[in-house]
Amino acid sequence: MNQINNMDWPERADRGRPDIGRLDLNLFRVFDTIYRERNLTRAAAILCLSQSAVSHAIGRLRTQLGDPLFVREGQGVLPTPLADRLWPDIQGALALLRQAVHRSQVFEPARDISQITLAMNDELEPSILPLLVWKLRALVPTLRIASVRLDRASLRADLAAGRLDCAIDIAQPVSADLCHTLLLQDEFVVVSSASANAARPLDIQSYLAAQHVTVSSRRTGRAVEDLGLAKLGLERQVVMRCQHYEAACRVVAASDLLLTLPRRQAEAIHASVKNAILTLPVELPKMELHLYWHRQREADPANHWLRKQVLAVMTPPRAL
């Protein structure tokens, strides 16, 4: 059998190892095609190269590997023993490269997302997280979801570093490198114990005369609803401060205190704490929830997919 060209290949007692850094990956694609076709003309046609270019490419690879790789046999070529040993690994490596390129161009959530981390206020979890988990796990059953406490002081850094994928919070002023969009607007309602509500209709006079419990993660300062009341020249009597809406609802159930909170939270807790949900007897600006993410993740397919799912869950369908 003759070699592909007329070069004589001296036997080498120690061929040494090729310098991987000098290997041209395109040469392995040529090698793979020749190995499968066993014919230089057909390989050149598949690669859209001239036959001389294919011969030159395989010649470079032979020089670097120190082996003829293919020898002539009739109208075609046959692989050498070294080529037979190399081909399965080269074929596998090329397949991995093609797969990597495909993944970079075609995003598939079930394949490309394994875990997400969302930040939200403790009080948002009961009304938001169950819906999100149901939606996301239905699309990606193996998805791991972490809901973590929202820290506004480190929000920008956490989103930039990828420690958080997105955050859900009330409308806040943010830096220019944070993007955000409105998730929903929620009206305020009043929660009263069922027994107290039966004896006391709620109007603005009884609302202001009543004693109230408020919910805030801060030790001091006015709640959002108090700021809204103050703009109308109104002030209520806050006699108790809680950290969580559910705890406040349970306090209300066993007292004559009133609690003002967004309707979504009130309805989420109502199943376990059977208080009365009443219309707020004064018009306050609706509470706005926004979705936040870092600008550098704007075009990231995984982050874009996550934002799309959150918006789908949180945005109520439009009436036809």
C-alpha atoms as a PDB file:
ATOM      1  CA  MET A   1       0.000   0.000   0.000  1.00  0.00           C
ATOM      2  CA  ASN A   2       1.226   3.508  -0.802  1.00  0.00           C
ATOM      3  CA  GLN A   3       0.876   6.560   1.371  1.00  0.00           C
ATOM      4  CA  ILE A   4      -1.428   9.407   0.291  1.00  0.00           C
ATOM      5  CA  ASN A   5       1.486  11.362  -1.162  1.00  0.00           C
ATOM      6  CA  ASN A   6       4.971  10.303  -2.166  1.00  0.00           C
ATOM      7  CA  MET A   7       6.679  11.507   0.998  1.00  0.00           C
ATOM      8  CA  ASP A   8       8.712   8.902   2.809  1.00  0.00           C
ATOM      9  CA  TRP A   9       7.782   8.561   6.480  1.00  0.00           C
ATOM     10  CA  PRO A  10      10.821   7.625   8.583  1.00  0.00           C
ATOM     11  CA  GLU A  11      10.190   5.332  11.499  1.00  0.00           C
ATOM     12  CA  ARG A  12      10.628   7.170  14.781  1.00  0.00           C
ATOM     13  CA  ALA A  13      11.550   5.349  17.914  1.00  0.00           C
ATOM     14  CA  ASP A  14      10.203   8.240  20.002  1.00  0.00           C
ATOM     15  CA  ARG A  15       7.688  10.446  18.305  1.00  0.00           C
ATOM     16  CA  GLY A  16       7.021  12.367  21.483  1.00  0.00           C
ATOM     17  CA  ARG A  17       3.748  14.077  22.215  1.00  0.00           C
ATOM     18  CA  PRO A  18       2.365  16.745  19.873  1.00  0.00           C
ATOM     19  CA  ASP A  19       2.078  20.288  21.146  1.00  0.00           C
ATOM     20  CA  ILE A  20      -1.693  20.588  21.710  1.00  0.00           C
ATOM     21  CA  GLY A  21      -1.432  24.379  21.647  1.00  0.00           C
ATOM     22  CA  ARG A  22      -0.213  24.248  18.029  1.00  0.00           C
ATOM     23  CA  LEU A  23      -2.945  21.930  16.743  1.00  0.00           C
ATOM     24  CA  ASP A  24      -5.490  23.496  14.398  1.00  0.00           C
ATOM     25  CA  LEU A  25      -8.939  22.170  15.307  1.00  0.00           C
ATOM     26  CA  ASN A  26     -10.020  22.475  11.662  1.00  0.00           C
ATOM     27  CA  LEU A  27      -7.556  19.720  10.810  1.00  0.00           C
ATOM     28  CA  PHE A  28      -9.531  17.301  12.970  1.00  0.00           C
ATOM     29  CA  ARG A  29     -12.664  18.027  10.963  1.00  0.00           C
ATOM     30  CA  VAL A  30     -10.715  17.151   7.808  1.00  0.00           C
ATOM     31  CA  PHE A  31      -9.414  14.000   9.502  1.00  0.00           C
ATOM     32  CA  ASP A  32     -12.920  12.986  10.579  1.00  0.00           C
ATOM     33  CA  THR A  33     -14.363  13.440   7.085  1.00  0.00           C
ATOM     34  CA  ILE A  34     -11.561  11.498   5.387  1.00  0.00           C
ATOM     35  CA  TYR A  35     -11.878   8.709   7.944  1.00  0.00           C
ATOM     36  CA  ARG A  36     -15.604   8.341   7.291  1.00  0.00           C
ATOM     37  CA  GLU A  37     -15.456   8.695   3.502  1.00  0.00           C
ATOM     38  CA  ARG A  38     -12.167   6.805   2.886  1.00  0.00           C
ATOM     39  CA  ASN A  39     -11.777   8.948  -0.218  1.00  0.00           C
ATOM     40  CA  LEU A  40     -10.100  12.345  -0.609  1.00  0.00           C
ATOM     41  CA  THR A  41     -12.287  13.492  -3.506  1.00  0.00           C
ATOM     42  CA  ARG A  42     -15.527  12.835  -1.627  1.00  0.00           C
ATOM     43  CA  ALA A  43     -14.090  14.362   1.549  1.00  0.00           C
ATOM     44  CA  ALA A  44     -13.109  17.521  -0.361  1.00  0.00           C
ATOM     45  CA  ALA A  45     -16.618  17.809  -1.799  1.00  0.00           C
ATOM     46  CA  ILE A  46     -18.217  17.468   1.651  1.00  0.00           C
ATOM     47  CA  LEU A  47     -15.823  20.025   3.154  1.00  0.00           C
ATOM     48  CA  CYS A  48     -16.251  22.408   0.163  1.00  0.00           C
ATOM     49  CA  LEU A  49     -12.476  22.417  -0.310  1.00  0.00           C
ATOM     50  CA  SER A  50     -10.201  21.542  -3.176  1.00  0.00           C
ATOM     51  CA  GLN A  51      -8.533  18.135  -3.084  1.00  0.00           C
ATOM     52  CA  SER A  52      -5.133  19.810  -2.810  1.00  0.00           C
ATOM     53  CA  ALA A  53      -6.331  21.799   0.229  1.00  0.00           C
ATOM     54  CA  VAL A  54      -7.511  18.574   1.868  1.00  0.00           C
ATOM     55  CA  SER A  55      -4.178  16.882   1.119  1.00  0.00           C
ATOM     56  CA  HIS A  56      -2.316  19.873   2.542  1.00  0.00           C
ATOM     57  CA  ALA A  57      -4.463  19.902   5.702  1.00  0.00           C
ATOM     58  CA  ILE A  58      -4.013  16.195   6.417  1.00  0.00           C
ATOM     59  CA  GLY A  59      -0.314  16.623   5.696  1.00  0.00           C
ATOM     60  CA  ARG A  60      -0.056  19.234   8.435  1.00  0.00           C
ATOM     61  CA  LEU A  61      -1.820  16.934  10.894  1.00  0.00           C
ATOM     62  CA  ARG A  62       0.480  14.034   9.975  1.00  0.00           C
ATOM     63  CA  THR A  63       3.479  16.232  10.614  1.00  0.00           C
ATOM     64  CA  GLN A  64       2.192  17.238  14.029  1.00  0.00           C
ATOM     65  CA  LEU A  65       1.179  13.700  15.027  1.00  0.00           C
ATOM     66  CA  GLY A  66       4.145  11.937  13.467  1.00  0.00           C
ATOM     67  CA  ASP A  67       2.061   9.327  11.620  1.00  0.00           C
ATOM     68  CA  PRO A  68       0.848   8.890   7.990  1.00  0.00           C
ATOM     69  CA  LEU A  69      -2.741   8.528   9.316  1.00  0.00           C
ATOM     70  CA  PHE A  70      -4.009   7.316   5.894  1.00  0.00           C
ATOM     71  CA  VAL A  71      -2.465   5.191   3.145  1.00  0.00           C
ATOM     72  CA  ARG A  72      -3.695   4.699  -0.416  1.00  0.00           C
ATOM     73  CA  GLU A  73      -5.731   1.622  -1.235  1.00  0.00           C
ATOM     74  CA  GLY A  74      -7.116   1.369  -4.769  1.00  0.00           C
ATOM     75  CA  GLN A  75      -9.212   4.471  -5.473  1.00  0.00           C
ATOM     76  CA  GLY A  76      -9.422   5.407  -1.807  1.00  0.00           C
ATOM     77  CA  VAL A  77      -7.496   5.429   1.449  1.00  0.00           C
ATOM     78  CA  LEU A  78      -7.343   3.332   4.578  1.00  0.00           C
ATOM     79  CA  PRO A  79      -6.608   4.575   8.123  1.00  0.00           C
ATOM     80  CA  THR A  80      -3.452   3.569   9.926  1.00  0.00           C
ATOM     81  CA  PRO A  81      -3.686   1.893  13.352  1.00  0.00           C
ATOM     82  CA  LEU A  82      -3.079   5.268  15.021  1.00  0.00           C
ATOM     83  CA  ALA A  83      -5.903   6.834  13.010  1.00  0.00           C
ATOM     84  CA  ASP A  84      -8.207   4.017  14.099  1.00  0.00           C
ATOM     85  CA  ARG A  85      -7.351   4.745  17.724  1.00  0.00           C
ATOM     86  CA  LEU A  86      -7.762   8.500  17.338  1.00  0.00           C
ATOM     87  CA  TRP A  87     -11.028   8.616  15.412  1.00  0.00           C
ATOM     88  CA  PRO A  88     -13.555   7.702  18.172  1.00  0.00           C
ATOM     89  CA  ASP A  89     -12.213  10.425  20.483  1.00  0.00           C
ATOM     90  CA  ILE A  90     -11.934  12.992  17.679  1.00  0.00           C
ATOM     91  CA  GLN A  91     -15.467  12.221  16.530  1.00  0.00           C
ATOM     92  CA  GLY A  92     -16.728  12.612  20.124  1.00  0.00           C
ATOM     93  CA  ALA A  93     -14.860  15.896  20.605  1.00  0.00           C
ATOM     94  CA  LEU A  94     -16.261  17.331  17.370  1.00  0.00           C
ATOM     95  CA  ALA A  95     -19.753  16.310  18.446  1.00  0.00           C
ATOM     96  CA  LEU A  96     -19.284  18.153  21.742  1.00  0.00           C
ATOM     97  CA  LEU A  97     -18.117  21.273  19.889  1.00  0.00           C
ATOM     98  CA  ARG A  98     -21.137  21.153  17.584  1.00  0.00           C
ATOM     99  CA  GLN A  99     -23.387  20.725  20.605  1.00  0.00           C
ATOM    100  CA  ALA A 100     -21.781  23.705  22.355  1.00  0.00           C
ATOM    101  CA  VAL A 101     -22.291  25.903  19.297  1.00  0.00           C
ATOM    102  CA  HIS A 102     -25.895  24.722  18.996  1.00  0.00           C
ATOM    103  CA  ARG A 103     -26.542  25.549  22.650  1.00  0.00           C
ATOM    104  CA  SER A 104     -25.172  29.040  22.183  1.00  0.00           C
ATOM    105  CA  GLN A 105     -27.631  29.625  19.340  1.00  0.00           C
ATOM    106  CA  VAL A 106     -30.728  27.735  20.504  1.00  0.00           C
ATOM    107  CA  PHE A 107     -31.832  28.178  24.101  1.00  0.00           C
ATOM    108  CA  GLU A 108     -33.685  25.256  25.684  1.00  0.00           C
ATOM    109  CA  PRO A 109     -34.814  25.914  29.283  1.00  0.00           C
ATOM    110  CA  ALA A 110     -35.033  22.241  30.288  1.00  0.00           C
ATOM    111  CA  ARG A 111     -31.425  21.764  29.203  1.00  0.00           C
ATOM    112  CA  ASP A 112     -29.828  25.140  29.882  1.00  0.00           C
ATOM    113  CA  ILE A 113     -31.302  26.166  33.259  1.00  0.00           C
ATOM    114  CA  SER A 114     -30.750  24.114  36.403  1.00  0.00           C
ATOM    115  CA  GLN A 115     -31.209  26.697  39.175  1.00  0.00           C
ATOM    116  CA  ILE A 116     -32.577  30.194  39.654  1.00  0.00           C
ATOM    117  CA  THR A 117     -32.325  32.559  42.610  1.00  0.00           C
ATOM    118  CA  LEU A 118     -34.959  35.199  43.234  1.00  0.00           C
ATOM    119  CA  ALA A 119     -34.949  37.875  45.929  1.00  0.00           C
ATOM    120  CA  MET A 120     -38.178  39.174  47.403  1.00  0.00           C
ATOM    121  CA  ASN A 121     -39.502  40.606  50.616  1.00  0.00           C
ATOM    122  CA  ASP A 122     -40.646  38.024  53.173  1.00  0.00           C
ATOM    123  CA  GLU A 123     -44.188  39.323  52.901  1.00  0.00           C
ATOM    124  CA  LEU A 124     -44.362  38.680  49.153  1.00  0.00           C
ATOM    125  CA  GLU A 125     -43.514  34.989  49.365  1.00  0.00           C
ATOM    126  CA  PRO A 126     -46.945  33.637  50.393  1.00  0.00           C
ATOM    127  CA  SER A 127     -48.759  35.307  47.510  1.00  0.00           C
ATOM    128  CA  ILE A 128     -46.089  35.130  44.789  1.00  0.00           C
ATOM    129  CA  LEU A 129     -43.785  32.166  45.314  1.00  0.00           C
ATOM    130  CA  PRO A 130     -46.349  29.321  45.045  1.00  0.00           C
ATOM    131  CA  LEU A 131     -47.551  30.619  41.666  1.00  0.00           C
ATOM    132  CA  LEU A 132     -43.986  31.021  40.367  1.00  0.00           C
ATOM    133  CA  VAL A 133     -42.907  27.570  41.544  1.00  0.00           C
ATOM    134  CA  TRP A 134     -45.933  25.968  39.905  1.00  0.00           C
ATOM    135  CA  LYS A 135     -45.249  27.743  36.599  1.00  0.00           C
ATOM    136  CA  LEU A 136     -41.476  27.239  36.491  1.00  0.00           C
ATOM    137  CA  ARG A 137     -41.484  23.608  37.643  1.00  0.00           C
ATOM    138  CA  ALA A 138     -44.169  22.786  35.093  1.00  0.00           C
ATOM    139  CA  LEU A 139     -41.821  23.990  32.364  1.00  0.00           C
ATOM    140  CA  VAL A 140     -38.574  22.631  33.876  1.00  0.00           C
ATOM    141  CA  PRO A 141     -39.404  19.795  36.329  1.00  0.00           C
ATOM    142  CA  THR A 142     -35.797  19.470  37.523  1.00  0.00           C
ATOM    143  CA  LEU A 143     -35.395  23.198  38.224  1.00  0.00           C
ATOM    144  CA  ARG A 144     -34.017  24.186  41.644  1.00  0.00           C
ATOM    145  CA  ILE A 145     -35.509  27.429  42.948  1.00  0.00           C
ATOM    146  CA  ALA A 146     -34.119  29.590  45.733  1.00  0.00           C
ATOM    147  CA  SER A 147     -36.169  32.450  47.160  1.00  0.00           C
ATOM    148  CA  VAL A 148     -33.939  34.616  49.345  1.00  0.00           C
ATOM    149  CA  ARG A 149     -34.396  37.709  51.482  1.00  0.00           C
ATOM    150  CA  LEU A 150     -34.249  40.981  49.613  1.00  0.00           C
ATOM    151  CA  ASP A 151     -31.418  43.260  50.742  1.00  0.00           C
ATOM    152  CA  ARG A 152     -31.846  46.606  49.003  1.00  0.00           C
ATOM    153  CA  ALA A 153     -28.395  47.805  50.099  1.00  0.00           C
ATOM    154  CA  SER A 154     -26.662  44.998  48.178  1.00  0.00           C
ATOM    155  CA  LEU A 155     -29.250  44.453  45.441  1.00  0.00           C
ATOM    156  CA  ARG A 156     -27.242  46.056  42.647  1.00  0.00           C
ATOM    157  CA  ALA A 157     -24.053  44.151  43.531  1.00  0.00           C
ATOM    158  CA  ASP A 158     -25.902  40.845  43.923  1.00  0.00           C
ATOM    159  CA  LEU A 159     -27.607  41.178  40.528  1.00  0.00           C
ATOM    160  CA  ALA A 160     -24.358  42.262  38.840  1.00  0.00           C
ATOM    161  CA  ALA A 161     -22.407  39.335  40.310  1.00  0.00           C
ATOM    162  CA  GLY A 162     -25.074  36.793  39.357  1.00  0.00           C
ATOM    163  CA  ARG A 163     -25.806  35.879  42.964  1.00  0.00           C
ATOM    164  CA  LEU A 164     -29.369  36.865  42.097  1.00  0.00           C
ATOM    165  CA  ASP A 165     -31.098  36.330  38.780  1.00  0.00           C
ATOM    166  CA  CYS A 166     -33.961  38.743  39.460  1.00  0.00           C
ATOM    167  CA  ALA A 167     -35.608  40.559  42.339  1.00  0.00           C
ATOM    168  CA  ILE A 168     -39.221  41.462  43.085  1.00  0.00           C
ATOM    169  CA  ASP A 169     -39.846  44.562  45.162  1.00  0.00           C
ATOM    170  CA  ILE A 170     -42.087  47.581  45.493  1.00  0.00           C
ATOM    171  CA  ALA A 171     -41.222  50.522  43.260  1.00  0.00           C
ATOM    172  CA  GLN A 172     -37.845  51.922  44.308  1.00  0.00           C
ATOM    173  CA  PRO A 173     -35.376  54.413  42.795  1.00  0.00           C
ATOM    174  CA  VAL A 174     -32.485  52.422  41.302  1.00  0.00           C
ATOM    175  CA  SER A 175     -29.197  53.073  39.510  1.00  0.00           C
ATOM    176  CA  ALA A 176     -29.031  53.260  35.704  1.00  0.00           C
ATOM    177  CA  ASP A 177     -27.499  49.791  35.361  1.00  0.00           C
ATOM    178  CA  LEU A 178     -30.544  48.127  36.923  1.00  0.00           C
ATOM    179  CA  CYS A 179     -33.486  47.429  34.646  1.00  0.00           C
ATOM    180  CA  HIS A 180     -37.006  47.025  35.945  1.00  0.00           C
ATOM    181  CA  THR A 181     -40.561  46.611  34.734  1.00  0.00           C
ATOM    182  CA  LEU A 182     -43.960  46.818  36.384  1.00  0.00           C
ATOM    183  CA  LEU A 183     -45.309  43.449  37.503  1.00  0.00           C
ATOM    184  CA  LEU A 184     -48.611  44.485  38.985  1.00  0.00           C
ATOM    185  CA  GLN A 185     -50.542  47.162  40.817  1.00  0.00           C
ATOM    186  CA  ASP A 186     -52.427  46.072  43.916  1.00  0.00           C
ATOM    187  CA  GLU A 187     -55.079  47.973  45.830  1.00  0.00           C
ATOM    188  CA  PHE A 188     -55.052  48.286  49.603  1.00  0.00           C
ATOM    189  CA  VAL A 189     -57.792  46.634  51.656  1.00  0.00           C
ATOM    190  CA  VAL A 190     -58.538  46.422  55.359  1.00  0.00           C
ATOM    191  CA  VAL A 191     -58.576  43.202  57.396  1.00  0.00           C
ATOM    192  CA  SER A 192     -60.767  42.971  60.488  1.00  0.00           C
ATOM    193  CA  SER A 193     -61.729  40.087  62.701  1.00  0.00           C
ATOM    194  CA  ALA A 194     -64.981  38.521  61.514  1.00  0.00           C
ATOM    195  CA  SER A 195     -66.766  39.214  64.800  1.00  0.00           C
ATOM    196  CA  ALA A 196     -65.661  42.858  64.980  1.00  0.00           C
ATOM    197  CA  ASN A 197     -66.730  43.480  61.406  1.00  0.00           C
ATOM    198  CA  ALA A 198     -70.235  42.227  62.082  1.00  0.00           C
ATOM    199  CA  ALA A 199     -70.782  44.924  64.686  1.00  0.00           C
ATOM    200  CA  ARG A 200     -68.945  47.827  63.016  1.00  0.00           C
ATOM    201  CA  PRO A 201     -69.401  48.983  59.403  1.00  0.00           C
ATOM    202  CA  LEU A 202     -66.228  50.562  58.096  1.00  0.00           C
ATOM    203  CA  ASP A 203     -66.298  54.145  56.926  1.00  0.00           C
ATOM    204  CA  ILE A 204     -63.594  56.774  57.030  1.00  0.00           C
ATOM    205  CA  GLN A 205     -64.591  57.971  60.506  1.00  0.00           C
ATOM    206  CA  SER A 206     -64.530  54.485  62.059  1.00  0.00           C
ATOM    207  CA  TYR A 207     -61.316  53.667  60.175  1.00  0.00           C
ATOM    208  CA  LEU A 208     -59.489  56.675  61.644  1.00  0.00           C
ATOM    209  CA  ALA A 209     -61.017  56.150  65.096  1.00  0.00           C
ATOM    210  CA  ALA A 210     -59.897  52.508  65.241  1.00  0.00           C
ATOM    211  CA  GLN A 211     -56.525  51.268  66.434  1.00  0.00           C
ATOM    212  CA  HIS A 212     -54.258  49.724  63.842  1.00  0.00           C
ATOM    213  CA  VAL A 213     -51.435  47.232  63.458  1.00  0.00           C
ATOM    214  CA  THR A 214     -48.869  47.894  60.757  1.00  0.00           C
ATOM    215  CA  VAL A 215     -46.316  45.608  59.092  1.00  0.00           C
ATOM    216  CA  SER A 216     -42.790  46.704  58.281  1.00  0.00           C
ATOM    217  CA  SER A 217     -39.316  45.187  58.185  1.00  0.00           C
ATOM    218  CA  ARG A 218     -37.948  48.473  59.558  1.00  0.00           C
ATOM    219  CA  ARG A 219     -37.881  49.260  63.257  1.00  0.00           C
ATOM    220  CA  THR A 220     -39.261  52.766  62.824  1.00  0.00           C
ATOM    221  CA  GLY A 221     -40.803  54.955  60.174  1.00  0.00           C
ATOM    222  CA  ARG A 222     -44.112  55.185  58.397  1.00  0.00           C
ATOM    223  CA  ALA A 223     -45.523  52.380  56.299  1.00  0.00           C
ATOM    224  CA  VAL A 224     -46.478  53.008  52.671  1.00  0.00           C
ATOM    225  CA  GLU A 225     -50.162  53.344  53.525  1.00  0.00           C
ATOM    226  CA  ASP A 226     -49.391  55.926  56.224  1.00  0.00           C
ATOM    227  CA  LEU A 227     -47.469  58.020  53.708  1.00  0.00           C
ATOM    228  CA  GLY A 228     -50.489  57.876  51.416  1.00  0.00           C
ATOM    229  CA  LEU A 229     -52.833  58.907  54.211  1.00  0.00           C
ATOM    230  CA  ALA A 230     -50.531  61.772  55.198  1.00  0.00           C
ATOM    231  CA  LYS A 231     -50.751  63.198  51.664  1.00  0.00           C
ATOM    232  CA  LEU A 232     -54.520  63.375  52.176  1.00  0.00           C
ATOM    233  CA  GLY A 233     -54.080  65.086  55.540  1.00  0.00           C
ATOM    234  CA  LEU A 234     -55.181  61.951  57.424  1.00  0.00           C
ATOM    235  CA  GLU A 235     -53.530  60.019  60.246  1.00  0.00           C
ATOM    236  CA  ARG A 236     -54.520  56.718  61.842  1.00  0.00           C
ATOM    237  CA  GLN A 237     -53.683  55.323  65.273  1.00  0.00           C
ATOM    238  CA  VAL A 238     -50.952  52.690  64.950  1.00  0.00           C
ATOM    239  CA  VAL A 239     -50.571  50.857  68.258  1.00  0.00           C
ATOM    240  CA  MET A 240     -48.668  47.766  67.121  1.00  0.00           C
ATOM    241  CA  ARG A 241     -45.896  46.968  64.636  1.00  0.00           C
ATOM    242  CA  CYS A 242     -45.292  43.475  63.164  1.00  0.00           C
ATOM    243  CA  GLN A 243     -42.697  41.989  60.840  1.00  0.00           C
ATOM    244  CA  HIS A 244     -45.041  39.664  58.952  1.00  0.00           C
ATOM    245  CA  TYR A 245     -48.531  40.004  57.532  1.00  0.00           C
ATOM    246  CA  GLU A 246     -49.619  36.555  58.699  1.00  0.00           C
ATOM    247  CA  ALA A 247     -48.668  37.363  62.275  1.00  0.00           C
ATOM    248  CA  ALA A 248     -50.540  40.653  62.007  1.00  0.00           C
ATOM    249  CA  CYS A 249     -53.617  38.865  60.611  1.00  0.00           C
ATOM    250  CA  ARG A 250     -53.616  36.481  63.567  1.00  0.00           C
ATOM    251  CA  VAL A 251     -53.356  39.427  65.960  1.00  0.00           C
ATOM    252  CA  VAL A 252     -56.328  41.040  64.206  1.00  0.00           C
ATOM    253  CA  ALA A 253     -58.344  37.790  64.430  1.00  0.00           C
ATOM    254  CA  ALA A 254     -58.044  37.885  68.229  1.00  0.00           C
ATOM    255  CA  SER A 255     -58.558  41.633  68.720  1.00  0.00           C
ATOM    256  CA  ASP A 256     -60.408  44.706  67.519  1.00  0.00           C
ATOM    257  CA  LEU A 257     -57.345  46.050  65.656  1.00  0.00           C
ATOM    258  CA  LEU A 258     -57.413  46.775  61.920  1.00  0.00           C
ATOM    259  CA  LEU A 259     -54.746  45.910  59.387  1.00  0.00           C
ATOM    260  CA  THR A 260     -54.278  47.666  56.042  1.00  0.00           C
ATOM    261  CA  LEU A 261     -52.456  45.637  53.420  1.00  0.00           C
ATOM    262  CA  PRO A 262     -52.400  44.858  49.678  1.00  0.00           C
ATOM    263  CA  ARG A 263     -55.299  42.687  48.509  1.00  0.00           C
ATOM    264  CA  ARG A 264     -52.997  39.948  47.185  1.00  0.00           C
ATOM    265  CA  GLN A 265     -51.468  39.397  50.614  1.00  0.00           C
ATOM    266  CA  ALA A 266     -54.866  39.528  52.325  1.00  0.00           C
ATOM    267  CA  GLU A 267     -56.349  36.892  50.017  1.00  0.00           C
ATOM    268  CA  ALA A 268     -53.296  34.633  50.300  1.00  0.00           C
ATOM    269  CA  ILE A 269     -53.548  34.591  54.111  1.00  0.00           C
ATOM    270  CA  HIS A 270     -57.351  34.418  54.231  1.00  0.00           C
ATOM    271  CA  ALA A 271     -57.400  30.657  53.640  1.00  0.00           C
ATOM    272  CA  SER A 272     -55.684  30.023  56.973  1.00  0.00           C
ATOM    273  CA  VAL A 273     -56.864  33.061  58.960  1.00  0.00           C
ATOM    274  CA  LYS A 274     -60.568  33.683  58.396  1.00  0.00           C
ATOM    275  CA  ASN A 275     -60.712  37.439  58.878  1.00  0.00           C
ATOM    276  CA  ALA A 276     -63.025  39.774  57.025  1.00  0.00           C
ATOM    277  CA  ILE A 277     -61.552  41.588  54.006  1.00  0.00           C
ATOM    278  CA  LEU A 278     -63.060  45.076  53.720  1.00  0.00           C
ATOM    279  CA  THR A 279     -62.827  47.876  51.211  1.00  0.00           C
ATOM    280  CA  LEU A 280     -60.506  50.657  52.319  1.00  0.00           C
ATOM    281  CA  PRO A 281     -62.780  53.676  52.893  1.00  0.00           C
ATOM    282  CA  VAL A 282     -60.293  56.113  51.372  1.00  0.00           C
ATOM    283  CA  GLU A 283     -58.582  56.057  47.989  1.00  0.00           C
ATOM    284  CA  LEU A 284     -54.828  55.493  48.215  1.00  0.00           C
ATOM    285  CA  PRO A 285     -52.318  55.045  45.390  1.00  0.00           C
ATOM    286  CA  LYS A 286     -52.016  51.395  44.466  1.00  0.00           C
ATOM    287  CA  MET A 287     -48.939  49.502  45.564  1.00  0.00           C
ATOM    288  CA  GLU A 288     -46.646  48.753  42.619  1.00  0.00           C
ATOM    289  CA  LEU A 289     -44.502  45.642  42.382  1.00  0.00           C
ATOM    290  CA  HIS A 290     -41.561  45.719  39.989  1.00  0.00           C
ATOM    291  CA  LEU A 291     -39.246  43.044  38.608  1.00  0.00           C
ATOM    292  CA  TYR A 292     -35.546  44.028  38.738  1.00  0.00           C
ATOM    293  CA  TRP A 293     -32.524  42.634  36.877  1.00  0.00           C
ATOM    294  CA  HIS A 294     -29.050  43.859  35.902  1.00  0.00           C
ATOM    295  CA  ARG A 295     -28.545  45.498  32.525  1.00  0.00           C
ATOM    296  CA  GLN A 296     -25.686  43.142  31.627  1.00  0.00           C
ATOM    297  CA  ARG A 297     -28.173  40.242  31.807  1.00  0.00           C
ATOM    298  CA  GLU A 298     -30.658  41.994  29.525  1.00  0.00           C
ATOM    299  CA  ALA A 299     -29.854  39.824  26.487  1.00  0.00           C
ATOM    300  CA  ASP A 300     -29.035  36.634  28.383  1.00  0.00           C
ATOM    301  CA  PRO A 301     -31.442  33.936  27.102  1.00  0.00           C
ATOM    302  CA  ALA A 302     -31.891  32.290  30.509  1.00  0.00           C
ATOM    303  CA  ASN A 303     -32.594  35.567  32.272  1.00  0.00           C
ATOM    304  CA  HIS A 304     -34.933  36.688  29.500  1.00  0.00           C
ATOM    305  CA  TRP A 305     -36.840  33.399  29.786  1.00  0.00           C
ATOM    306  CA  LEU A 306     -37.129  33.781  33.562  1.00  0.00           C
ATOM    307  CA  ARG A 307     -38.424  37.349  33.280  1.00  0.00           C
ATOM    308  CA  LYS A 308     -40.974  36.235  30.706  1.00  0.00           C
ATOM    309  CA  GLN A 309     -42.305  33.510  33.026  1.00  0.00           C
ATOM    310  CA  VAL A 310     -42.499  35.846  36.031  1.00  0.00           C
ATOM    311  CA  LEU A 311     -44.398  38.417  33.978  1.00  0.00           C
ATOM    312  CA  ALA A 312     -46.773  35.739  32.685  1.00  0.00           C
ATOM    313  CA  VAL A 313     -47.590  34.645  36.223  1.00  0.00           C
ATOM    314  CA  MET A 314     -47.915  38.104  37.747  1.00  0.00           C
ATOM    315  CA  THR A 315     -49.680  39.975  34.961  1.00  0.00           C
ATOM    316  CA  PRO A 316     -53.427  39.382  35.083  1.00  0.00           C
ATOM    317  CA  PRO A 317     -55.005  38.426  31.735  1.00  0.00           C
ATOM    318  CA  ARG A 318     -56.735  41.220  29.875  1.00  0.00           C
ATOM    319  CA  ALA A 319     -60.510  41.089  29.497  1.00  0.00           C
ATOM    320  CA  LEU A 320     -61.681  40.219  25.997  1.00  0.00           C
END
